[in-house]
Amino acid sequence: MAKNHQTSGMQPCRPLADSDSLNFLPYIENGWFREVIEVSQDQSFCLRVKRVLYHEKSQFQDILVFESAQYGNVLVLDGILQCTERAEFAYQEVLAHVPLTCHPNPKRVLVIGGGDGGVLREIAKHDAVEEVVLCELDEAVIRVSRKYLPTMAVGLDHPKVTVHVGDGFEFMTHNAASFDVIITDSNDAVGPAAVLYQRQYYQLLHSALTKDGIMCSLADSIWSNEPLVRRVLRYLHAEYPSVDLITTYTPEYITGQLCFVIASKSPGINFATPQRPIVAEDSSEVNGETTACKYYSPDTHRTCFTHPPFLRQIISECLSGTGEATEDDGA
């Protein structure tokens, strides 16, 4: 069984009664969930709501779970969609397997955020991984995911996994040079999650990684938040000798596309070429390749780094070493 270190007691989930209105939240109107993010107010993402399953204001954030018409159960934090049962694998598999297959021997892995358990499920597929620590600030996310997102939350109970409920900054401060790979599965850069996109955070990740360690974190979408993508790339360029940008197709998010940043303490890393395969007992043969995934493969790994010319130009500008990253850094 997974090991759990909780800072607060577990509480039972409180589902809403059938008579509750679909329109009691500001982001549900006329039976539709509508996500509007501060940095992309000129566009939104909508899903039809069949029924609201759960709502809670935890110590840290507003938590909503609803059953959608086409995407299954949906987790929403502070009005921002986190995952859907139908399409979550497209996000989880890229965030987990790209950095893990780029490391020659990832024995110890840390996940900051990710209380739904999806990234843990994917990390546990790697036989090379011996220990995974999840550091989730809000125990309510873990509790709610266990009930309403069981195919993702299965990762929370894997024997390789230790669940720590608490602050990721404090945890890494006390665990210097401890992890081969650190993955940040965070909310968008608003509210409490904004600190996970600041230079201080990437410096702390650097100190918690082993000498050849790799980090991977969300960097929003190049279409809706280019200034943030630029800023994060420049922050990482100042701290790590090897840095690159991952793009992936994610239909459940506002632009249909997301960026992740990846960086290593080792110089000269070609992230576009996997260094090792995924080896898992539940693997299956697909097109002659062994895979335990529905989205990730060696081919899709390479396409994550195959960027159009305008994006290659942005990456080149950010990694050229010219200029300082600022809060107003933009195109």
C-alpha atoms as a PDB file:
ATOM      1  CA  MET A   1       0.000   0.000   0.000  1.00  0.00           C
ATOM      2  CA  ALA A   2       1.057   3.586  -0.539  1.00  0.00           C
ATOM      3  CA  LYS A   3       2.426   5.423   2.474  1.00  0.00           C
ATOM      4  CA  ASN A   4       0.526   8.516   3.597  1.00  0.00           C
ATOM      5  CA  HIS A   5       1.776  11.381   5.760  1.00  0.00           C
ATOM      6  CA  GLN A   6      -1.215  13.677   6.310  1.00  0.00           C
ATOM      7  CA  THR A   7      -1.163  17.083   7.972  1.00  0.00           C
ATOM      8  CA  SER A   8      -4.927  17.004   8.520  1.00  0.00           C
ATOM      9  CA  GLY A   9      -7.554  14.324   9.043  1.00  0.00           C
ATOM     10  CA  MET A  10      -9.479  12.871   6.118  1.00  0.00           C
ATOM     11  CA  GLN A  11     -13.086  13.961   5.832  1.00  0.00           C
ATOM     12  CA  PRO A  12     -15.945  12.256   3.987  1.00  0.00           C
ATOM     13  CA  CYS A  13     -16.968  13.692   0.626  1.00  0.00           C
ATOM     14  CA  ARG A  14     -20.216  15.654   0.641  1.00  0.00           C
ATOM     15  CA  PRO A  15     -22.022  15.161  -2.686  1.00  0.00           C
ATOM     16  CA  LEU A  16     -24.734  17.607  -3.612  1.00  0.00           C
ATOM     17  CA  ALA A  17     -28.363  16.625  -3.490  1.00  0.00           C
ATOM     18  CA  ASP A  18     -30.138  16.006  -6.806  1.00  0.00           C
ATOM     19  CA  SER A  19     -32.308  19.053  -6.208  1.00  0.00           C
ATOM     20  CA  ASP A  20     -29.338  21.420  -6.169  1.00  0.00           C
ATOM     21  CA  SER A  21     -29.376  23.897  -9.044  1.00  0.00           C
ATOM     22  CA  LEU A  22     -26.734  23.702 -11.763  1.00  0.00           C
ATOM     23  CA  ASN A  23     -26.464  27.483 -11.708  1.00  0.00           C
ATOM     24  CA  PHE A  24     -25.389  28.139  -8.136  1.00  0.00           C
ATOM     25  CA  LEU A  25     -21.745  28.753  -9.137  1.00  0.00           C
ATOM     26  CA  PRO A  26     -20.558  31.762 -11.162  1.00  0.00           C
ATOM     27  CA  TYR A  27     -18.936  29.497 -13.782  1.00  0.00           C
ATOM     28  CA  ILE A  28     -22.042  27.358 -14.423  1.00  0.00           C
ATOM     29  CA  GLU A  29     -24.767  29.070 -16.427  1.00  0.00           C
ATOM     30  CA  ASN A  30     -27.759  27.575 -18.233  1.00  0.00           C
ATOM     31  CA  GLY A  31     -26.360  24.085 -17.727  1.00  0.00           C
ATOM     32  CA  TRP A  32     -22.897  24.888 -19.114  1.00  0.00           C
ATOM     33  CA  PHE A  33     -19.580  25.088 -17.279  1.00  0.00           C
ATOM     34  CA  ARG A  34     -17.611  28.040 -18.615  1.00  0.00           C
ATOM     35  CA  GLU A  35     -13.936  28.527 -17.827  1.00  0.00           C
ATOM     36  CA  VAL A  36     -12.600  32.051 -18.145  1.00  0.00           C
ATOM     37  CA  ILE A  37      -8.988  32.580 -17.077  1.00  0.00           C
ATOM     38  CA  GLU A  38      -7.692  36.012 -16.109  1.00  0.00           C
ATOM     39  CA  VAL A  39      -4.937  36.027 -18.737  1.00  0.00           C
ATOM     40  CA  SER A  40      -7.259  34.882 -21.538  1.00  0.00           C
ATOM     41  CA  GLN A  41     -10.489  36.745 -20.894  1.00  0.00           C
ATOM     42  CA  ASP A  42     -11.183  37.111 -24.617  1.00  0.00           C
ATOM     43  CA  GLN A  43     -11.815  33.370 -24.942  1.00  0.00           C
ATOM     44  CA  SER A  44     -13.287  30.567 -22.836  1.00  0.00           C
ATOM     45  CA  PHE A  45     -13.806  26.819 -22.735  1.00  0.00           C
ATOM     46  CA  CYS A  46     -17.248  25.282 -22.148  1.00  0.00           C
ATOM     47  CA  LEU A  47     -18.649  21.846 -21.293  1.00  0.00           C
ATOM     48  CA  ARG A  48     -22.294  20.863 -20.891  1.00  0.00           C
ATOM     49  CA  VAL A  49     -23.051  19.830 -17.304  1.00  0.00           C
ATOM     50  CA  LYS A  50     -25.233  16.775 -16.714  1.00  0.00           C
ATOM     51  CA  ARG A  51     -25.141  17.102 -12.934  1.00  0.00           C
ATOM     52  CA  VAL A  52     -23.007  18.619 -10.214  1.00  0.00           C
ATOM     53  CA  LEU A  53     -21.504  15.829  -8.118  1.00  0.00           C
ATOM     54  CA  TYR A  54     -19.580  17.726  -5.471  1.00  0.00           C
ATOM     55  CA  HIS A  55     -18.677  21.221  -4.321  1.00  0.00           C
ATOM     56  CA  GLU A  56     -16.495  22.388  -1.444  1.00  0.00           C
ATOM     57  CA  LYS A  57     -14.524  25.437  -0.418  1.00  0.00           C
ATOM     58  CA  SER A  58     -11.435  23.902   1.134  1.00  0.00           C
ATOM     59  CA  GLN A  59      -8.846  25.746   3.182  1.00  0.00           C
ATOM     60  CA  PHE A  60      -7.037  26.686  -0.024  1.00  0.00           C
ATOM     61  CA  GLN A  61      -9.449  26.719  -2.978  1.00  0.00           C
ATOM     62  CA  ASP A  62     -12.894  26.152  -4.440  1.00  0.00           C
ATOM     63  CA  ILE A  63     -13.338  22.508  -5.535  1.00  0.00           C
ATOM     64  CA  LEU A  64     -16.015  21.381  -7.989  1.00  0.00           C
ATOM     65  CA  VAL A  65     -16.678  18.011  -9.591  1.00  0.00           C
ATOM     66  CA  PHE A  66     -19.388  17.637 -12.207  1.00  0.00           C
ATOM     67  CA  GLU A  67     -20.479  14.963 -14.646  1.00  0.00           C
ATOM     68  CA  SER A  68     -20.215  16.300 -18.186  1.00  0.00           C
ATOM     69  CA  ALA A  69     -22.192  15.234 -21.230  1.00  0.00           C
ATOM     70  CA  GLN A  70     -19.199  13.888 -23.213  1.00  0.00           C
ATOM     71  CA  TYR A  71     -16.057  14.004 -21.067  1.00  0.00           C
ATOM     72  CA  GLY A  72     -17.128  12.070 -17.959  1.00  0.00           C
ATOM     73  CA  ASN A  73     -16.387  13.465 -14.520  1.00  0.00           C
ATOM     74  CA  VAL A  74     -14.562  16.803 -14.475  1.00  0.00           C
ATOM     75  CA  LEU A  75     -12.413  18.311 -11.702  1.00  0.00           C
ATOM     76  CA  VAL A  76     -12.392  22.120 -11.406  1.00  0.00           C
ATOM     77  CA  LEU A  77     -10.272  24.149  -8.957  1.00  0.00           C
ATOM     78  CA  ASP A  78     -11.050  27.843  -8.454  1.00  0.00           C
ATOM     79  CA  GLY A  79     -13.071  27.796 -11.654  1.00  0.00           C
ATOM     80  CA  ILE A  80     -10.196  26.345 -13.725  1.00  0.00           C
ATOM     81  CA  LEU A  81     -10.612  22.924 -15.328  1.00  0.00           C
ATOM     82  CA  GLN A  82      -7.973  20.462 -14.136  1.00  0.00           C
ATOM     83  CA  CYS A  83      -8.866  17.171 -15.818  1.00  0.00           C
ATOM     84  CA  THR A  84     -11.613  15.098 -17.398  1.00  0.00           C
ATOM     85  CA  GLU A  85     -12.045  11.337 -17.277  1.00  0.00           C
ATOM     86  CA  ARG A  86     -12.155  11.096 -21.068  1.00  0.00           C
ATOM     87  CA  ALA A  87      -8.995  12.996 -21.997  1.00  0.00           C
ATOM     88  CA  GLU A  88      -6.784  13.164 -18.895  1.00  0.00           C
ATOM     89  CA  PHE A  89      -4.289  10.638 -20.285  1.00  0.00           C
ATOM     90  CA  ALA A  90      -3.128  13.098 -22.965  1.00  0.00           C
ATOM     91  CA  TYR A  91      -1.898  15.414 -20.199  1.00  0.00           C
ATOM     92  CA  GLN A  92      -0.708  12.912 -17.586  1.00  0.00           C
ATOM     93  CA  GLU A  93       1.307  10.721 -19.948  1.00  0.00           C
ATOM     94  CA  VAL A  94       3.282  13.551 -21.527  1.00  0.00           C
ATOM     95  CA  LEU A  95       4.020  15.268 -18.214  1.00  0.00           C
ATOM     96  CA  ALA A  96       5.263  12.007 -16.680  1.00  0.00           C
ATOM     97  CA  HIS A  97       6.909  10.021 -19.450  1.00  0.00           C
ATOM     98  CA  VAL A  98       8.838  12.708 -21.324  1.00  0.00           C
ATOM     99  CA  PRO A  99      11.071  13.676 -18.359  1.00  0.00           C
ATOM    100  CA  LEU A 100      11.331  10.102 -17.063  1.00  0.00           C
ATOM    101  CA  THR A 101      12.448   8.669 -20.407  1.00  0.00           C
ATOM    102  CA  CYS A 102      14.983  11.506 -20.740  1.00  0.00           C
ATOM    103  CA  HIS A 103      16.710  10.452 -17.501  1.00  0.00           C
ATOM    104  CA  PRO A 104      19.020   7.410 -17.666  1.00  0.00           C
ATOM    105  CA  ASN A 105      18.052   6.050 -14.238  1.00  0.00           C
ATOM    106  CA  PRO A 106      15.205   7.873 -12.448  1.00  0.00           C
ATOM    107  CA  LYS A 107      15.079   6.044  -9.119  1.00  0.00           C
ATOM    108  CA  ARG A 108      13.501   8.757  -6.937  1.00  0.00           C
ATOM    109  CA  VAL A 109      10.770  11.058  -8.237  1.00  0.00           C
ATOM    110  CA  LEU A 110       8.985  13.980  -6.570  1.00  0.00           C
ATOM    111  CA  VAL A 111       5.608  15.305  -7.712  1.00  0.00           C
ATOM    112  CA  ILE A 112       4.518  18.751  -6.539  1.00  0.00           C
ATOM    113  CA  GLY A 113       0.726  19.049  -6.768  1.00  0.00           C
ATOM    114  CA  GLY A 114      -1.033  16.318  -8.718  1.00  0.00           C
ATOM    115  CA  GLY A 115      -3.319  15.259  -5.880  1.00  0.00           C
ATOM    116  CA  ASP A 116      -5.678  13.576  -8.354  1.00  0.00           C
ATOM    117  CA  GLY A 117      -3.090  10.792  -8.723  1.00  0.00           C
ATOM    118  CA  GLY A 118      -2.958  10.667 -12.526  1.00  0.00           C
ATOM    119  CA  VAL A 119       0.719  11.537 -12.895  1.00  0.00           C
ATOM    120  CA  LEU A 120       1.561   9.068 -10.111  1.00  0.00           C
ATOM    121  CA  ARG A 121      -0.237   6.320 -12.049  1.00  0.00           C
ATOM    122  CA  GLU A 122       1.998   6.996 -15.052  1.00  0.00           C
ATOM    123  CA  ILE A 123       5.255   7.305 -13.102  1.00  0.00           C
ATOM    124  CA  ALA A 124       4.629   3.947 -11.423  1.00  0.00           C
ATOM    125  CA  LYS A 125       4.749   2.249 -14.851  1.00  0.00           C
ATOM    126  CA  HIS A 126       8.519   2.770 -14.948  1.00  0.00           C
ATOM    127  CA  ASP A 127      10.375  -0.187 -13.491  1.00  0.00           C
ATOM    128  CA  ALA A 128      13.441   2.000 -12.924  1.00  0.00           C
ATOM    129  CA  VAL A 129      11.498   4.151 -10.458  1.00  0.00           C
ATOM    130  CA  GLU A 130      11.856   2.873  -6.912  1.00  0.00           C
ATOM    131  CA  GLU A 131      10.156   5.654  -4.936  1.00  0.00           C
ATOM    132  CA  VAL A 132       7.682   8.423  -5.738  1.00  0.00           C
ATOM    133  CA  VAL A 133       6.792  11.182  -3.277  1.00  0.00           C
ATOM    134  CA  LEU A 134       3.665  13.251  -3.822  1.00  0.00           C
ATOM    135  CA  CYS A 135       3.598  16.643  -2.106  1.00  0.00           C
ATOM    136  CA  GLU A 136       0.045  18.015  -2.320  1.00  0.00           C
ATOM    137  CA  LEU A 137      -0.945  21.138  -0.389  1.00  0.00           C
ATOM    138  CA  ASP A 138      -4.687  20.456  -0.253  1.00  0.00           C
ATOM    139  CA  GLU A 139      -5.838  17.129   1.200  1.00  0.00           C
ATOM    140  CA  ALA A 140      -9.328  17.830  -0.155  1.00  0.00           C
ATOM    141  CA  VAL A 141      -8.084  17.309  -3.723  1.00  0.00           C
ATOM    142  CA  ILE A 142      -6.836  13.837  -2.781  1.00  0.00           C
ATOM    143  CA  ARG A 143     -10.039  12.977  -0.924  1.00  0.00           C
ATOM    144  CA  VAL A 144     -12.361  14.144  -3.686  1.00  0.00           C
ATOM    145  CA  SER A 145     -10.300  12.480  -6.431  1.00  0.00           C
ATOM    146  CA  ARG A 146     -10.439   9.113  -4.668  1.00  0.00           C
ATOM    147  CA  LYS A 147     -14.233   9.213  -4.842  1.00  0.00           C
ATOM    148  CA  TYR A 148     -14.930  10.846  -8.196  1.00  0.00           C
ATOM    149  CA  LEU A 149     -11.792  10.148 -10.282  1.00  0.00           C
ATOM    150  CA  PRO A 150     -10.894   6.568  -9.328  1.00  0.00           C
ATOM    151  CA  THR A 151      -9.037   5.685 -12.538  1.00  0.00           C
ATOM    152  CA  MET A 152      -6.606   8.497 -11.789  1.00  0.00           C
ATOM    153  CA  ALA A 153      -6.566   8.190  -7.998  1.00  0.00           C
ATOM    154  CA  VAL A 154      -5.362   4.594  -8.305  1.00  0.00           C
ATOM    155  CA  GLY A 155      -1.898   6.141  -8.525  1.00  0.00           C
ATOM    156  CA  LEU A 156      -2.205   7.361  -4.937  1.00  0.00           C
ATOM    157  CA  ASP A 157      -2.270   3.772  -3.668  1.00  0.00           C
ATOM    158  CA  HIS A 158       0.645   2.322  -5.621  1.00  0.00           C
ATOM    159  CA  PRO A 159       3.226   0.707  -3.309  1.00  0.00           C
ATOM    160  CA  LYS A 160       5.998   2.921  -4.696  1.00  0.00           C
ATOM    161  CA  VAL A 161       4.116   6.078  -3.679  1.00  0.00           C
ATOM    162  CA  THR A 162       4.371   8.111  -0.478  1.00  0.00           C
ATOM    163  CA  VAL A 163       1.708  10.806  -0.081  1.00  0.00           C
ATOM    164  CA  HIS A 164       2.763  13.902   1.845  1.00  0.00           C
ATOM    165  CA  VAL A 165       0.143  16.578   2.493  1.00  0.00           C
ATOM    166  CA  GLY A 166       1.907  19.878   2.947  1.00  0.00           C
ATOM    167  CA  ASP A 167       3.762  22.768   1.350  1.00  0.00           C
ATOM    168  CA  GLY A 168       6.078  21.836  -1.510  1.00  0.00           C
ATOM    169  CA  PHE A 169       8.458  24.742  -0.843  1.00  0.00           C
ATOM    170  CA  GLU A 170       9.050  23.622   2.722  1.00  0.00           C
ATOM    171  CA  PHE A 171       9.400  19.982   1.702  1.00  0.00           C
ATOM    172  CA  MET A 172      12.094  20.698  -0.885  1.00  0.00           C
ATOM    173  CA  THR A 173      13.948  22.984   1.509  1.00  0.00           C
ATOM    174  CA  HIS A 174      14.493  19.940   3.737  1.00  0.00           C
ATOM    175  CA  ASN A 175      15.293  17.532   0.884  1.00  0.00           C
ATOM    176  CA  ALA A 176      18.246  18.978  -1.014  1.00  0.00           C
ATOM    177  CA  ALA A 177      19.822  16.876  -3.811  1.00  0.00           C
ATOM    178  CA  SER A 178      17.301  14.108  -3.163  1.00  0.00           C
ATOM    179  CA  PHE A 179      15.368  13.473  -6.390  1.00  0.00           C
ATOM    180  CA  ASP A 180      16.341  12.401  -9.900  1.00  0.00           C
ATOM    181  CA  VAL A 181      13.186  13.872 -11.458  1.00  0.00           C
ATOM    182  CA  ILE A 182      10.780  16.500 -10.104  1.00  0.00           C
ATOM    183  CA  ILE A 183       7.442  17.012 -11.837  1.00  0.00           C
ATOM    184  CA  THR A 184       5.183  19.953 -11.032  1.00  0.00           C
ATOM    185  CA  ASP A 185       1.526  19.208 -11.763  1.00  0.00           C
ATOM    186  CA  SER A 186       0.056  22.581 -10.874  1.00  0.00           C
ATOM    187  CA  ASN A 187      -2.892  24.809 -11.535  1.00  0.00           C
ATOM    188  CA  ASP A 188      -2.541  27.791 -13.887  1.00  0.00           C
ATOM    189  CA  ALA A 189      -0.418  30.732 -12.747  1.00  0.00           C
ATOM    190  CA  VAL A 190      -3.189  32.406 -10.773  1.00  0.00           C
ATOM    191  CA  GLY A 191      -4.027  32.431  -7.067  1.00  0.00           C
ATOM    192  CA  PRO A 192      -1.962  30.160  -4.777  1.00  0.00           C
ATOM    193  CA  ALA A 193      -0.307  28.429  -7.761  1.00  0.00           C
ATOM    194  CA  ALA A 194       1.300  31.669  -9.022  1.00  0.00           C
ATOM    195  CA  VAL A 195       4.377  31.061  -6.839  1.00  0.00           C
ATOM    196  CA  LEU A 196       5.092  27.874  -8.824  1.00  0.00           C
ATOM    197  CA  TYR A 197       5.956  30.025 -11.855  1.00  0.00           C
ATOM    198  CA  GLN A 198       8.471  32.311 -10.147  1.00  0.00           C
ATOM    199  CA  ARG A 199      12.242  32.172 -10.409  1.00  0.00           C
ATOM    200  CA  GLN A 200      12.600  31.297  -6.714  1.00  0.00           C
ATOM    201  CA  TYR A 201      10.613  28.115  -7.287  1.00  0.00           C
ATOM    202  CA  TYR A 202      12.834  26.945 -10.152  1.00  0.00           C
ATOM    203  CA  GLN A 203      15.893  27.646  -8.002  1.00  0.00           C
ATOM    204  CA  LEU A 204      14.424  25.495  -5.242  1.00  0.00           C
ATOM    205  CA  LEU A 205      13.733  22.701  -7.726  1.00  0.00           C
ATOM    206  CA  HIS A 206      17.373  22.919  -8.801  1.00  0.00           C
ATOM    207  CA  SER A 207      18.575  22.469  -5.223  1.00  0.00           C
ATOM    208  CA  ALA A 208      16.288  19.457  -4.630  1.00  0.00           C
ATOM    209  CA  LEU A 209      17.508  17.627  -7.755  1.00  0.00           C
ATOM    210  CA  THR A 210      20.457  15.253  -7.876  1.00  0.00           C
ATOM    211  CA  LYS A 211      23.504  16.235  -9.943  1.00  0.00           C
ATOM    212  CA  ASP A 212      21.976  15.028 -13.239  1.00  0.00           C
ATOM    213  CA  GLY A 213      18.370  15.699 -12.242  1.00  0.00           C
ATOM    214  CA  ILE A 214      15.524  16.746 -14.541  1.00  0.00           C
ATOM    215  CA  MET A 215      12.531  18.960 -13.809  1.00  0.00           C
ATOM    216  CA  CYS A 216       9.305  19.307 -15.781  1.00  0.00           C
ATOM    217  CA  SER A 217       6.501  21.807 -15.122  1.00  0.00           C
ATOM    218  CA  LEU A 218       3.406  23.277 -16.724  1.00  0.00           C
ATOM    219  CA  ALA A 219       3.976  26.529 -18.651  1.00  0.00           C
ATOM    220  CA  ASP A 220       0.444  27.319 -19.886  1.00  0.00           C
ATOM    221  CA  SER A 221      -0.370  27.770 -23.601  1.00  0.00           C
ATOM    222  CA  ILE A 222       1.636  29.717 -26.127  1.00  0.00           C
ATOM    223  CA  TRP A 223      -1.661  30.916 -27.664  1.00  0.00           C
ATOM    224  CA  SER A 224      -3.212  32.341 -24.502  1.00  0.00           C
ATOM    225  CA  ASN A 225      -0.191  33.288 -22.380  1.00  0.00           C
ATOM    226  CA  GLU A 226       2.939  33.813 -24.444  1.00  0.00           C
ATOM    227  CA  PRO A 227       4.432  36.255 -21.895  1.00  0.00           C
ATOM    228  CA  LEU A 228       4.396  33.550 -19.205  1.00  0.00           C
ATOM    229  CA  VAL A 229       5.963  30.956 -21.513  1.00  0.00           C
ATOM    230  CA  ARG A 230       8.743  33.408 -22.388  1.00  0.00           C
ATOM    231  CA  ARG A 231       9.311  34.366 -18.776  1.00  0.00           C
ATOM    232  CA  VAL A 232       9.534  30.777 -17.533  1.00  0.00           C
ATOM    233  CA  LEU A 233      11.970  29.793 -20.291  1.00  0.00           C
ATOM    234  CA  ARG A 234      14.234  32.694 -19.356  1.00  0.00           C
ATOM    235  CA  TYR A 235      14.052  31.869 -15.664  1.00  0.00           C
ATOM    236  CA  LEU A 236      15.125  28.297 -16.408  1.00  0.00           C
ATOM    237  CA  HIS A 237      17.876  29.368 -18.811  1.00  0.00           C
ATOM    238  CA  ALA A 238      19.428  31.314 -15.936  1.00  0.00           C
ATOM    239  CA  GLU A 239      19.483  28.242 -13.669  1.00  0.00           C
ATOM    240  CA  TYR A 240      19.932  25.133 -15.864  1.00  0.00           C
ATOM    241  CA  PRO A 241      22.388  24.318 -18.699  1.00  0.00           C
ATOM    242  CA  SER A 242      19.796  22.301 -20.678  1.00  0.00           C
ATOM    243  CA  VAL A 243      16.304  23.719 -21.259  1.00  0.00           C
ATOM    244  CA  ASP A 244      13.549  23.056 -23.799  1.00  0.00           C
ATOM    245  CA  LEU A 245       9.821  23.432 -24.367  1.00  0.00           C
ATOM    246  CA  ILE A 246       7.277  20.614 -24.729  1.00  0.00           C
ATOM    247  CA  THR A 247       4.000  21.110 -26.582  1.00  0.00           C
ATOM    248  CA  THR A 248       1.110  18.672 -26.486  1.00  0.00           C
ATOM    249  CA  TYR A 249      -2.441  18.354 -27.777  1.00  0.00           C
ATOM    250  CA  THR A 250      -4.940  18.612 -24.926  1.00  0.00           C
ATOM    251  CA  PRO A 251      -8.592  18.907 -26.024  1.00  0.00           C
ATOM    252  CA  GLU A 252      -9.877  19.611 -22.525  1.00  0.00           C
ATOM    253  CA  TYR A 253      -8.013  22.911 -22.157  1.00  0.00           C
ATOM    254  CA  ILE A 254      -8.878  26.375 -23.337  1.00  0.00           C
ATOM    255  CA  THR A 255      -6.765  26.515 -26.538  1.00  0.00           C
ATOM    256  CA  GLY A 256      -6.454  22.775 -27.165  1.00  0.00           C
ATOM    257  CA  GLN A 257      -2.703  23.040 -26.642  1.00  0.00           C
ATOM    258  CA  LEU A 258      -0.405  23.201 -23.616  1.00  0.00           C
ATOM    259  CA  CYS A 259       3.273  23.835 -23.020  1.00  0.00           C
ATOM    260  CA  PHE A 260       5.507  22.203 -20.442  1.00  0.00           C
ATOM    261  CA  VAL A 261       9.052  23.287 -19.666  1.00  0.00           C
ATOM    262  CA  ILE A 262      11.779  20.718 -19.143  1.00  0.00           C
ATOM    263  CA  ALA A 263      15.287  21.333 -17.828  1.00  0.00           C
ATOM    264  CA  SER A 264      18.303  19.344 -16.654  1.00  0.00           C
ATOM    265  CA  LYS A 265      21.290  20.083 -14.443  1.00  0.00           C
ATOM    266  CA  SER A 266      23.410  18.214 -17.017  1.00  0.00           C
ATOM    267  CA  PRO A 267      24.615  20.116 -20.105  1.00  0.00           C
ATOM    268  CA  GLY A 268      24.004  19.048 -23.690  1.00  0.00           C
ATOM    269  CA  ILE A 269      20.801  17.064 -23.134  1.00  0.00           C
ATOM    270  CA  ASN A 270      18.747  16.359 -26.270  1.00  0.00           C
ATOM    271  CA  PHE A 271      15.288  16.055 -24.745  1.00  0.00           C
ATOM    272  CA  ALA A 272      13.708  15.160 -28.098  1.00  0.00           C
ATOM    273  CA  THR A 273      15.344  11.710 -28.018  1.00  0.00           C
ATOM    274  CA  PRO A 274      14.163   9.279 -25.311  1.00  0.00           C
ATOM    275  CA  GLN A 275      17.074   7.740 -23.412  1.00  0.00           C
ATOM    276  CA  ARG A 276      15.212   4.689 -22.146  1.00  0.00           C
ATOM    277  CA  PRO A 277      11.921   2.894 -22.801  1.00  0.00           C
ATOM    278  CA  ILE A 278       8.929   2.476 -20.531  1.00  0.00           C
ATOM    279  CA  VAL A 279       9.050  -1.036 -19.102  1.00  0.00           C
ATOM    280  CA  ALA A 280       5.836  -2.152 -17.438  1.00  0.00           C
ATOM    281  CA  GLU A 281       4.138  -5.428 -16.619  1.00  0.00           C
ATOM    282  CA  ASP A 282       0.843  -4.250 -18.160  1.00  0.00           C
ATOM    283  CA  SER A 283       2.403  -3.185 -21.487  1.00  0.00           C
ATOM    284  CA  SER A 284       0.853  -4.156 -24.818  1.00  0.00           C
ATOM    285  CA  GLU A 285       2.010  -4.280 -28.437  1.00  0.00           C
ATOM    286  CA  VAL A 286       0.852  -1.355 -30.584  1.00  0.00           C
ATOM    287  CA  ASN A 287       2.229  -0.989 -34.126  1.00  0.00           C
ATOM    288  CA  GLY A 288       5.232  -3.110 -33.245  1.00  0.00           C
ATOM    289  CA  GLU A 289       6.171  -0.982 -30.241  1.00  0.00           C
ATOM    290  CA  THR A 290       5.793  -1.882 -26.597  1.00  0.00           C
ATOM    291  CA  THR A 291       3.716   0.693 -24.780  1.00  0.00           C
ATOM    292  CA  ALA A 292       1.685   0.994 -21.588  1.00  0.00           C
ATOM    293  CA  CYS A 293       0.113   4.226 -22.779  1.00  0.00           C
ATOM    294  CA  LYS A 294      -2.754   5.569 -24.855  1.00  0.00           C
ATOM    295  CA  TYR A 295      -1.043   8.825 -25.886  1.00  0.00           C
ATOM    296  CA  TYR A 296       2.706   8.604 -25.235  1.00  0.00           C
ATOM    297  CA  SER A 297       5.061   6.702 -27.529  1.00  0.00           C
ATOM    298  CA  PRO A 298       8.621   7.312 -28.784  1.00  0.00           C
ATOM    299  CA  ASP A 299       7.088   8.969 -31.848  1.00  0.00           C
ATOM    300  CA  THR A 300       4.802  11.277 -29.872  1.00  0.00           C
ATOM    301  CA  HIS A 301       7.761  12.052 -27.603  1.00  0.00           C
ATOM    302  CA  ARG A 302       9.668  13.416 -30.584  1.00  0.00           C
ATOM    303  CA  THR A 303       6.677  15.398 -31.830  1.00  0.00           C
ATOM    304  CA  CYS A 304       6.487  17.157 -28.461  1.00  0.00           C
ATOM    305  CA  PHE A 305       9.674  18.945 -29.520  1.00  0.00           C
ATOM    306  CA  THR A 306       8.755  19.473 -33.195  1.00  0.00           C
ATOM    307  CA  HIS A 307       7.698  23.107 -33.175  1.00  0.00           C
ATOM    308  CA  PRO A 308       6.484  25.467 -35.897  1.00  0.00           C
ATOM    309  CA  PRO A 309       8.881  28.251 -36.956  1.00  0.00           C
ATOM    310  CA  PHE A 310       7.249  31.000 -34.861  1.00  0.00           C
ATOM    311  CA  LEU A 311       7.592  28.919 -31.694  1.00  0.00           C
ATOM    312  CA  ARG A 312      11.162  27.887 -32.493  1.00  0.00           C
ATOM    313  CA  GLN A 313      11.923  31.599 -32.782  1.00  0.00           C
ATOM    314  CA  ILE A 314      10.407  32.317 -29.369  1.00  0.00           C
ATOM    315  CA  ILE A 315      12.387  29.489 -27.766  1.00  0.00           C
ATOM    316  CA  SER A 316      15.592  30.675 -29.438  1.00  0.00           C
ATOM    317  CA  GLU A 317      15.082  34.222 -28.200  1.00  0.00           C
ATOM    318  CA  CYS A 318      14.444  33.072 -24.639  1.00  0.00           C
ATOM    319  CA  LEU A 319      17.413  30.708 -24.511  1.00  0.00           C
ATOM    320  CA  SER A 320      19.868  33.070 -26.205  1.00  0.00           C
ATOM    321  CA  GLY A 321      20.858  34.658 -22.922  1.00  0.00           C
ATOM    322  CA  THR A 322      19.859  38.154 -24.018  1.00  0.00           C
ATOM    323  CA  GLY A 323      17.634  40.238 -21.765  1.00  0.00           C
ATOM    324  CA  GLU A 324      16.221  39.587 -18.321  1.00  0.00           C
ATOM    325  CA  ALA A 325      12.904  37.955 -17.539  1.00  0.00           C
ATOM    326  CA  THR A 326      10.364  40.411 -16.147  1.00  0.00           C
ATOM    327  CA  GLU A 327       6.730  40.219 -15.126  1.00  0.00           C
ATOM    328  CA  ASP A 328       5.818  42.175 -18.273  1.00  0.00           C
ATOM    329  CA  ASP A 329       7.959  40.099 -20.629  1.00  0.00           C
ATOM    330  CA  GLY A 330       6.019  39.552 -23.848  1.00  0.00           C
ATOM    331  CA  ALA A 331       6.260  39.133 -27.549  1.00  0.00           C
END
